[in-house]
Protein backbone atom coordinates (compact mmCIF):
# COMPACT_ATOMS: atom_id res chain seq x y z
CA MET A 1 -194.35 36.06 178.89
CA ALA A 2 -193.38 35.75 175.18
CA LEU A 3 -194.58 38.45 172.76
CA THR A 4 -196.57 35.87 170.79
CA GLN A 5 -198.44 34.90 173.93
CA LEU A 6 -199.23 38.59 174.75
CA PHE A 7 -200.52 39.09 171.22
CA LEU A 8 -202.63 35.94 171.55
CA LEU A 9 -204.05 37.23 174.86
CA ALA A 10 -205.08 40.52 173.24
CA VAL A 11 -206.82 38.72 170.41
CA ILE A 12 -208.65 36.39 172.78
CA LEU A 13 -209.91 39.25 174.95
CA GLN A 14 -211.50 40.84 171.89
CA ASN A 15 -212.94 37.66 170.37
CA LYS A 16 -215.05 35.26 172.42
CA ASN A 17 -215.27 32.75 169.55
CA LYS A 18 -211.49 32.58 169.45
CA MET A 19 -211.42 31.84 173.18
CA ASP A 20 -213.99 29.05 172.77
CA ASP A 21 -211.97 27.55 169.91
CA LEU A 22 -208.75 27.50 171.95
CA ALA A 23 -210.55 26.19 175.00
CA GLY A 24 -211.80 23.28 172.90
CA ARG A 25 -208.37 22.63 171.38
CA TYR A 26 -206.70 22.43 174.78
CA ARG A 27 -209.63 20.49 176.29
CA ILE A 28 -210.57 23.21 178.81
CA SER A 29 -214.09 23.10 180.21
CA GLY A 30 -216.35 25.73 178.65
CA THR A 31 -218.12 26.34 181.99
CA LYS A 32 -215.12 28.16 183.48
CA ASP A 33 -215.02 31.95 183.50
CA LYS A 34 -212.91 33.96 181.06
CA GLY A 35 -210.05 34.59 183.50
CA VAL A 36 -209.66 30.91 184.39
CA VAL A 37 -209.77 29.91 180.74
CA LEU A 38 -207.08 32.44 179.84
CA ASN A 39 -204.81 31.27 182.66
CA GLU A 40 -205.12 27.63 181.64
CA ILE A 41 -204.49 28.42 177.96
CA LEU A 42 -201.36 30.39 178.84
CA LYS A 43 -200.21 27.59 181.16
CA LYS A 44 -200.52 25.01 178.35
CA LEU A 45 -198.70 27.33 175.94
CA GLU A 46 -195.81 27.61 178.41
CA GLU A 47 -195.77 23.83 178.86
CA GLY A 48 -195.57 23.47 175.07
CA ASP A 49 -192.61 25.84 174.95
CA GLN A 50 -190.86 23.84 177.68
CA ASN A 51 -191.45 20.54 175.84
CA ARG A 52 -190.09 21.99 172.61
CA TYR A 53 -187.07 23.24 174.54
CA ARG A 54 -186.47 19.76 175.99
CA ILE A 55 -186.72 18.10 172.57
CA ASP A 56 -184.38 20.67 171.04
CA ARG A 57 -181.94 20.24 173.92
CA ILE A 58 -181.99 16.43 173.54
CA SER A 59 -181.48 16.63 169.77
CA ARG A 60 -178.42 18.80 170.32
CA ASN A 61 -176.98 16.44 172.91
CA PRO A 62 -173.78 14.77 171.56
CA ALA A 63 -174.77 11.38 173.03
CA TYR A 64 -178.14 11.56 171.26
CA ARG A 65 -176.47 12.39 167.96
CA ILE A 66 -174.00 9.52 168.38
CA ALA A 67 -176.86 7.09 169.13
CA ILE A 68 -178.78 8.18 166.02
CA SER A 69 -175.65 7.93 163.87
CA THR A 70 -174.86 4.44 165.26
CA ALA A 71 -178.42 3.23 164.60
CA ALA A 72 -178.28 4.52 161.02
CA SER A 73 -174.92 2.80 160.48
CA MET A 74 -176.32 -0.51 161.78
CA VAL A 75 -179.30 -0.29 159.42
CA LEU A 76 -176.94 0.39 156.50
CA ILE A 77 -174.69 -2.54 157.47
CA LEU A 78 -177.68 -4.91 157.70
CA LEU A 79 -178.98 -3.70 154.33
CA LEU A 80 -175.59 -4.19 152.66
CA HIS A 81 -175.30 -7.64 154.24
CA PHE A 82 -178.71 -8.57 152.82
CA LEU A 83 -177.87 -7.27 149.34
CA LEU A 84 -174.24 -8.41 149.04
CA SER A 85 -174.16 -11.79 150.83
CA VAL A 86 -173.45 -14.55 148.31
CA THR A 87 -173.61 -18.34 148.42
CA ARG A 88 -170.80 -19.86 146.34
CA LEU A 89 -170.85 -23.47 145.15
CA GLU A 90 -167.74 -25.00 143.61
CA ASN A 91 -167.69 -28.51 142.17
CA ASP A 92 -164.12 -29.73 142.32
CA THR A 93 -165.12 -33.41 142.32
CA ALA A 94 -164.99 -35.86 139.43
CA GLN A 95 -168.80 -36.03 139.15
CA ALA A 96 -171.66 -33.63 138.55
CA GLN A 97 -173.42 -32.32 141.67
CA ALA A 98 -177.15 -31.64 142.06
CA ILE A 99 -178.31 -28.50 143.91
CA ARG A 100 -181.73 -27.14 144.91
CA LEU A 101 -182.03 -23.36 144.90
CA PRO A 102 -184.27 -21.49 147.39
CA ASP A 103 -187.10 -21.34 144.81
CA HIS A 104 -186.86 -25.17 144.37
CA SER A 105 -185.23 -24.85 140.94
CA ARG A 106 -182.79 -27.71 140.35
CA VAL A 107 -179.24 -27.26 139.08
CA ILE A 108 -176.74 -29.93 138.10
CA LEU A 109 -173.27 -28.41 138.25
CA SER A 110 -170.62 -30.09 136.10
CA LYS A 111 -167.18 -30.90 137.46
CA ASN A 112 -164.70 -28.00 137.51
CA SER A 113 -167.61 -25.54 137.49
CA THR A 114 -168.60 -22.81 139.94
CA MET A 115 -171.94 -21.14 140.64
CA SER A 116 -172.94 -18.34 143.02
CA HIS A 117 -176.23 -16.68 143.92
CA PRO A 118 -177.62 -14.15 146.45
CA LYS A 119 -177.64 -15.80 149.88
CA TYR A 120 -181.07 -14.40 150.76
CA TRP A 121 -182.42 -15.01 147.22
CA TRP A 122 -183.87 -11.49 146.84
CA LYS A 123 -183.57 -11.93 143.08
CA ARG A 124 -183.59 -15.08 140.90
CA GLU A 125 -180.10 -14.79 139.52
CA VAL A 126 -177.02 -17.02 139.46
CA LYS A 127 -173.50 -16.50 138.17
CA LEU A 128 -171.94 -19.44 136.37
CA GLU A 129 -168.37 -20.29 135.49
CA GLY A 130 -168.31 -23.55 133.57
CA ASP A 131 -171.20 -25.84 132.70
CA ALA A 132 -174.58 -26.50 134.35
CA TYR A 133 -178.02 -27.91 133.59
CA PHE A 134 -181.09 -26.07 134.95
CA GLU A 135 -184.66 -27.10 135.67
CA VAL A 136 -186.21 -23.75 136.60
CA GLU A 137 -189.46 -23.46 138.53
CA LYS A 138 -192.04 -21.15 136.95
CA GLY A 139 -192.16 -17.63 138.35
CA LYS A 140 -190.39 -14.33 137.85
CA LYS A 141 -187.54 -14.05 135.37
CA PHE A 142 -184.57 -16.30 136.18
CA ILE A 143 -181.16 -15.14 134.93
CA VAL A 144 -177.92 -17.06 134.46
CA LYS A 145 -174.98 -14.67 134.12
CA THR A 146 -171.79 -15.78 132.36
CA LYS A 147 -168.67 -13.86 131.35
CA GLU A 148 -169.85 -13.75 127.75
CA GLY A 149 -173.55 -13.01 128.24
CA ASP A 150 -176.81 -13.56 130.13
CA VAL A 151 -179.40 -16.29 129.72
CA SER A 152 -182.92 -15.41 130.87
CA VAL A 153 -185.95 -17.69 131.29
CA MET A 154 -189.32 -17.84 133.06
CA GLY A 155 -189.53 -21.58 133.75
CA THR A 156 -187.91 -24.24 131.61
CA ARG A 157 -185.15 -26.84 131.20
CA PHE A 158 -181.87 -25.77 129.61
CA GLN A 159 -178.09 -26.12 129.75
CA VAL A 160 -175.47 -23.38 129.75
CA SER A 161 -171.79 -23.93 128.99
CA GLY A 162 -169.72 -20.79 129.49
CA THR A 163 -166.05 -20.39 128.67
CA GLY A 164 -163.72 -17.43 128.46
CA ASP A 165 -164.53 -16.62 124.81
CA GLY A 166 -168.08 -17.86 124.38
CA VAL A 167 -171.21 -19.56 125.61
CA THR A 168 -173.37 -22.46 124.40
CA VAL A 169 -177.05 -22.60 125.33
CA THR A 170 -179.26 -25.63 124.75
CA CYS A 171 -183.01 -25.46 125.40
CA TYR A 172 -184.86 -28.69 126.23
CA GLU A 173 -188.19 -27.21 127.27
CA GLY A 174 -189.80 -23.74 127.04
CA ILE A 175 -187.99 -20.72 125.61
CA VAL A 176 -184.60 -19.22 126.50
CA GLY A 177 -183.22 -15.78 125.71
CA LEU A 178 -179.50 -15.13 125.20
CA THR A 179 -178.11 -11.58 125.48
CA CYS A 180 -174.46 -10.82 124.73
CA LYS A 181 -173.75 -7.07 124.66
CA GLU A 182 -175.81 -5.86 121.67
CA TYR A 183 -176.64 -9.39 120.49
CA ASN A 184 -180.02 -10.97 121.36
CA GLN A 185 -181.34 -14.37 120.37
CA VAL A 186 -184.38 -16.44 121.37
CA ILE A 187 -183.79 -20.19 121.59
CA CYS A 188 -186.82 -22.49 121.52
CA ALA A 189 -187.11 -26.05 122.84
CA GLY A 190 -185.13 -28.61 120.84
CA LEU A 191 -182.50 -26.12 119.67
CA THR A 192 -178.94 -25.24 120.66
CA LEU A 193 -176.85 -22.16 119.93
CA GLU A 194 -173.12 -21.52 120.22
CA TYR A 195 -171.98 -17.90 120.49
CA ARG A 196 -168.23 -17.42 120.38
CA ASN A 197 -165.91 -14.52 119.58
CA ASN A 198 -168.90 -12.22 119.00
CA LYS A 199 -170.39 -14.55 116.40
CA ASP A 200 -173.12 -17.18 116.52
CA ALA A 201 -172.92 -20.52 114.74
CA GLY A 202 -176.66 -20.53 114.04
CA LEU A 203 -179.48 -22.43 115.73
CA LYS A 204 -179.11 -26.20 115.46
CA PRO A 205 -181.52 -29.01 116.42
CA ILE A 206 -180.67 -31.44 119.21
CA GLN A 207 -181.34 -35.18 119.14
CA TRP A 208 -181.62 -35.92 122.86
CA GLU A 209 -184.29 -35.17 125.47
CA TYR A 210 -181.86 -34.65 128.35
CA PRO A 211 -178.13 -33.96 128.55
CA GLU A 212 -175.85 -36.68 129.85
CA LEU A 213 -175.15 -34.94 133.17
CA ALA A 214 -178.88 -34.77 133.97
CA LEU A 215 -179.33 -38.54 133.82
CA PHE A 216 -179.31 -40.72 136.92
CA LYS A 217 -177.61 -43.93 135.77
CA GLN A 218 -176.92 -46.74 138.20
CA ASP A 219 -177.19 -50.55 138.36
CA PHE A 220 -178.47 -52.18 141.55
CA SER A 221 -178.21 -55.86 142.49
CA GLY A 222 -180.14 -56.87 145.58
CA GLU A 223 -179.55 -53.43 147.13
CA ASP A 224 -181.45 -52.45 150.25
CA LEU A 225 -184.29 -50.11 149.29
CA GLN A 226 -183.08 -47.47 151.74
CA GLN A 227 -179.70 -47.35 149.99
CA VAL A 228 -181.36 -47.04 146.59
CA THR A 229 -183.59 -44.15 147.67
CA ALA A 230 -180.60 -42.46 149.37
CA ALA A 231 -178.79 -42.41 146.01
CA LEU A 232 -181.87 -40.90 144.35
CA GLU A 233 -182.21 -38.29 147.09
CA ASP A 234 -178.60 -37.22 146.64
CA PHE A 235 -178.85 -36.92 142.86
CA PHE A 236 -182.25 -35.25 142.62
CA GLN A 237 -181.98 -33.28 145.88
CA ILE A 238 -185.37 -34.45 147.13
CA ARG A 239 -186.71 -36.42 150.10
CA ILE A 240 -188.02 -39.96 149.72
CA LEU A 241 -189.79 -41.35 152.78
CA LEU A 242 -190.19 -45.10 153.25
CA ALA A 243 -193.43 -46.25 154.87
CA THR A 244 -193.08 -49.92 153.97
CA THR A 245 -193.05 -53.02 156.16
CA GLY A 246 -190.29 -55.61 156.19
CA SER A 247 -187.02 -55.64 154.29
CA LYS A 248 -187.10 -54.60 150.65
CA ARG A 249 -184.30 -55.07 148.11
CA PHE A 250 -184.13 -53.79 144.58
CA SER A 251 -182.32 -55.14 141.53
CA GLY A 252 -182.31 -53.38 138.19
CA ASN A 253 -180.95 -50.53 136.10
CA LEU A 254 -182.16 -46.99 136.60
CA GLU A 255 -181.47 -44.46 133.86
CA THR A 256 -183.68 -41.39 133.96
CA ALA A 257 -183.68 -37.63 134.43
CA LYS A 258 -186.84 -37.68 136.57
CA ALA A 259 -186.97 -38.84 140.19
CA GLU A 260 -190.62 -39.86 139.91
CA THR A 261 -189.82 -42.12 136.95
CA ALA A 262 -187.14 -43.90 139.00
CA VAL A 263 -189.55 -44.33 141.95
CA ARG A 264 -192.25 -45.64 139.61
CA ILE A 265 -189.85 -48.31 138.29
CA ILE A 266 -188.87 -49.33 141.83
CA CYS A 267 -192.49 -49.56 142.99
CA ARG A 268 -193.49 -51.64 139.97
CA SER A 269 -190.61 -54.02 140.62
CA LEU A 270 -191.35 -54.44 144.36
CA ASP A 271 -195.17 -54.22 144.14
CA LEU A 272 -195.29 -50.98 146.10
CA SER A 273 -197.06 -47.63 145.62
CA TYR A 274 -196.08 -44.02 146.17
CA THR A 275 -197.60 -40.60 146.79
CA ILE A 276 -196.24 -37.03 146.73
CA ASN A 277 -197.18 -34.76 149.64
CA SER A 278 -197.59 -30.98 149.77
CA ASN A 279 -193.88 -30.55 150.62
CA ARG A 280 -192.93 -32.34 147.39
CA ASN A 281 -191.65 -35.33 149.33
CA ILE A 282 -192.15 -38.77 147.75
CA ILE A 283 -193.61 -41.38 150.10
CA ILE A 284 -193.24 -45.06 149.21
CA ASN A 285 -195.91 -47.32 150.76
CA ASP A 286 -197.04 -50.91 150.74
CA LYS A 287 -199.85 -51.51 148.27
CA LYS A 288 -203.26 -51.56 149.93
């Protein structure tokens, strides 16, 4: 018997309250006599020592240590994968390309431009090389990182053109902040700023509501409605569902930066109506 257990036995024999307390802790019936209670307490103490010995023996087992180390490594690998995985988008075509980010923000990437962002979108941040137009959904701070500096917004429409020696930021709606090393500048709607070679050219007003690359411009002549909506879906990166009867053909010129404006023109021309559902899909229907 261990010395600690002998000492405990001596204390218990001299103190009935102590015995009752231990009997309660180890769930031993209080109706048993003192000898039985002592035997059962000592038995449970020995069982506790054996359990601690087993746990200690397992923890010192090489296989156990390898398993714990492997599990920790897997957790670290998964965490690094989550943090470091990147989605890269490169526009090497002759036309601008529209993209929807995970938070539904819309980006129009100019030709010969590249953009990347966290694959699992754990932060609202993109890296840009070249030129892009942004329509950012409201929410937490959204950051566009370029070689020259960072553009930060909360929810707005703006364009960023980054080159090796500078960056140009144009704000069409809301407020944009430009940070280049120790330089900081707020750009309000209707203004543009060029920052190049560590100098800014001053805030200048703009004369247009949307940049050229943000405009959907196309002429249609007797085109099937499904083909027309397919072109809009591709440019605006949305879904347009047709719930119309019979064949419908559209003729006309569409030039707009808003998908809903284009749909409104089509519906007015073909005497149709439309709704927008909770998933932001546009549904074109026959007029009731």
